[in-house]
C-alpha atoms as a PDB file:
ATOM      1  CA  MET A   1       6.203  12.864   1.995  1.00  0.00           C
ATOM      2  CA  GLU A   2       9.552  10.897   1.187  1.00  0.00           C
ATOM      3  CA  ASN A   3      10.900  10.354  -1.992  1.00  0.00           C
ATOM      4  CA  ASP A   4       7.983  10.927  -3.826  1.00  0.00           C
ATOM      5  CA  ASN A   5       9.493  10.809  -7.125  1.00  0.00           C
ATOM      6  CA  LYS A   6      10.549   7.846  -6.935  1.00  0.00           C
ATOM      7  CA  THR A   7       7.283   6.408  -5.763  1.00  0.00           C
ATOM      8  CA  LYS A   8       5.084   3.710  -8.372  1.00  0.00           C
ATOM      9  CA  TYR A   9       1.786   4.106  -5.915  1.00  0.00           C
ATOM     10  CA  LYS A  10       1.038   7.611  -4.184  1.00  0.00           C
ATOM     11  CA  GLU A  11      -1.482   7.980  -0.848  1.00  0.00           C
ATOM     12  CA  GLY A  12      -4.801   7.279  -1.729  1.00  0.00           C
ATOM     13  CA  ASP A  13      -4.470   4.766  -4.677  1.00  0.00           C
ATOM     14  CA  LYS A  14      -5.701   1.601  -4.578  1.00  0.00           C
ATOM     15  CA  VAL A  15      -3.529  -1.312  -4.406  1.00  0.00           C
ATOM     16  CA  PHE A  16      -3.713  -5.501  -4.406  1.00  0.00           C
ATOM     17  CA  THR A  17      -0.654  -7.854  -3.122  1.00  0.00           C
ATOM     18  CA  LYS A  18       0.446 -10.811  -5.152  1.00  0.00           C
ATOM     19  CA  VAL A  19      -0.662 -13.241  -2.629  1.00  0.00           C
ATOM     20  CA  ASN A  20      -4.202 -12.430  -1.774  1.00  0.00           C
ATOM     21  CA  PRO A  21      -5.166  -9.625  -5.297  1.00  0.00           C
ATOM     22  CA  THR A  22      -8.657 -10.424  -4.501  1.00  0.00           C
ATOM     23  CA  VAL A  23      -8.588  -8.184  -1.625  1.00  0.00           C
ATOM     24  CA  PRO A  24      -8.072  -4.361  -2.203  1.00  0.00           C
ATOM     25  CA  LEU A  25      -5.527  -2.362  -0.251  1.00  0.00           C
ATOM     26  CA  ILE A  26      -5.919   1.950   0.305  1.00  0.00           C
ATOM     27  CA  VAL A  27      -2.087   3.091   0.375  1.00  0.00           C
ATOM     28  CA  ARG A  28      -2.093   5.509   3.226  1.00  0.00           C
ATOM     29  CA  ARG A  29       1.783   6.501   3.629  1.00  0.00           C
ATOM     30  CA  PHE A  30       5.450   5.531   1.555  1.00  0.00           C
ATOM     31  CA  TYR A  31       8.411   5.970   3.904  1.00  0.00           C
ATOM     32  CA  LYS A  32      11.776   5.060   3.531  1.00  0.00           C
ATOM     33  CA  GLU A  33      10.639   2.133   0.739  1.00  0.00           C
ATOM     34  CA  ILE A  34       8.122   0.432   2.085  1.00  0.00           C
ATOM     35  CA  TYR A  35       4.183   1.307   1.938  1.00  0.00           C
ATOM     36  CA  TYR A  36       2.105   1.074   4.072  1.00  0.00           C
ATOM     37  CA  CYS A  37      -1.382   0.132   3.237  1.00  0.00           C
ATOM     38  CA  THR A  38      -5.025  -0.469   4.832  1.00  0.00           C
ATOM     39  CA  TYR A  39      -7.669  -2.628   4.373  1.00  0.00           C
ATOM     40  CA  ALA A  40     -10.366  -0.948   1.831  1.00  0.00           C
ATOM     41  CA  GLU A  41     -13.190  -2.860   3.171  1.00  0.00           C
ATOM     42  CA  ASP A  42     -12.216  -2.850   7.060  1.00  0.00           C
ATOM     43  CA  PRO A  43      -9.899   0.383   7.725  1.00  0.00           C
ATOM     44  CA  GLU A  44     -10.513  -1.077  11.338  1.00  0.00           C
ATOM     45  CA  LYS A  45      -7.790  -3.787  10.663  1.00  0.00           C
ATOM     46  CA  LYS A  46      -3.909  -3.789  12.031  1.00  0.00           C
ATOM     47  CA  GLU A  47      -2.526  -2.142   8.288  1.00  0.00           C
ATOM     48  CA  LEU A  48      -0.010  -3.813   5.882  1.00  0.00           C
ATOM     49  CA  ALA A  49       3.415  -3.211   5.798  1.00  0.00           C
ATOM     50  CA  LEU A  50       4.619  -3.499   2.093  1.00  0.00           C
ATOM     51  CA  PHE A  51       7.267  -3.210  -0.217  1.00  0.00           C
ATOM     52  CA  GLU A  52       6.869  -2.162  -3.844  1.00  0.00           C
ATOM     53  CA  ARG A  53       7.690  -5.771  -5.121  1.00  0.00           C
ATOM     54  CA  GLU A  54       4.434  -7.209  -3.490  1.00  0.00           C
ATOM     55  CA  ILE A  55       2.470  -5.285  -4.949  1.00  0.00           C
ATOM     56  CA  ILE A  56       0.267  -5.415  -7.934  1.00  0.00           C
END
Protein backbone atom coordinates (compact mmCIF):
# COMPACT_ATOMS: atom_id res chain seq x y z
CA MET A 1 0.00 0.00 0.00
CA GLU A 2 1.42 3.37 -0.96
CA ASN A 3 1.87 5.99 1.79
CA ASP A 4 0.95 3.47 4.46
CA ASN A 5 2.24 5.66 7.28
CA LYS A 6 0.02 8.61 6.25
CA THR A 7 -3.32 6.84 5.94
CA LYS A 8 -6.02 7.39 8.50
CA TYR A 9 -8.00 4.33 7.40
CA LYS A 10 -6.56 0.90 6.57
CA GLU A 11 -7.71 -1.70 4.05
CA GLY A 12 -10.73 -3.53 5.43
CA ASP A 13 -11.87 -0.68 7.71
CA LYS A 14 -15.58 0.13 7.78
CA VAL A 15 -16.22 3.80 6.97
CA PHE A 16 -19.07 6.12 6.01
CA THR A 17 -19.31 9.15 3.73
CA LYS A 18 -20.25 12.56 5.07
CA VAL A 19 -23.05 12.93 2.49
CA ASN A 20 -24.64 9.54 3.28
CA PRO A 21 -23.58 8.38 6.76
CA THR A 22 -26.11 5.54 6.89
CA VAL A 23 -24.46 3.44 4.17
CA PRO A 24 -21.43 1.44 5.38
CA LEU A 25 -18.42 1.15 3.09
CA ILE A 26 -15.30 -1.01 3.25
CA VAL A 27 -11.91 0.45 2.32
CA ARG A 28 -10.54 -1.74 -0.44
CA ARG A 29 -7.42 0.21 -1.34
CA PHE A 30 -5.59 3.48 -0.73
CA TYR A 31 -3.60 4.81 -3.68
CA LYS A 32 -2.31 8.32 -4.43
CA GLU A 33 -4.34 10.03 -1.70
CA ILE A 34 -7.62 8.35 -2.76
CA TYR A 35 -9.55 5.69 -0.87
CA TYR A 36 -11.29 3.11 -3.05
CA CYS A 37 -14.30 1.77 -1.17
CA THR A 38 -16.89 -0.90 -1.85
CA TYR A 39 -20.40 -1.04 -0.42
CA ALA A 40 -20.45 -3.34 2.60
CA GLU A 41 -23.97 -4.61 1.92
CA ASP A 42 -23.62 -4.89 -1.88
CA PRO A 43 -20.00 -5.51 -3.00
CA GLU A 44 -21.12 -5.93 -6.64
CA LYS A 45 -22.07 -2.23 -6.88
CA LYS A 46 -19.56 0.11 -8.49
CA GLU A 47 -16.92 1.17 -5.98
CA LEU A 48 -16.43 4.75 -4.82
CA ALA A 49 -13.25 6.80 -5.01
CA LEU A 50 -13.12 9.16 -2.04
CA PHE A 51 -10.74 11.66 -0.50
CA GLU A 52 -10.05 11.42 3.23
CA ARG A 53 -12.02 14.61 3.88
CA GLU A 54 -15.18 12.94 2.49
CA ILE A 55 -15.03 10.02 4.93
CA ILE A 56 -16.14 9.82 8.56
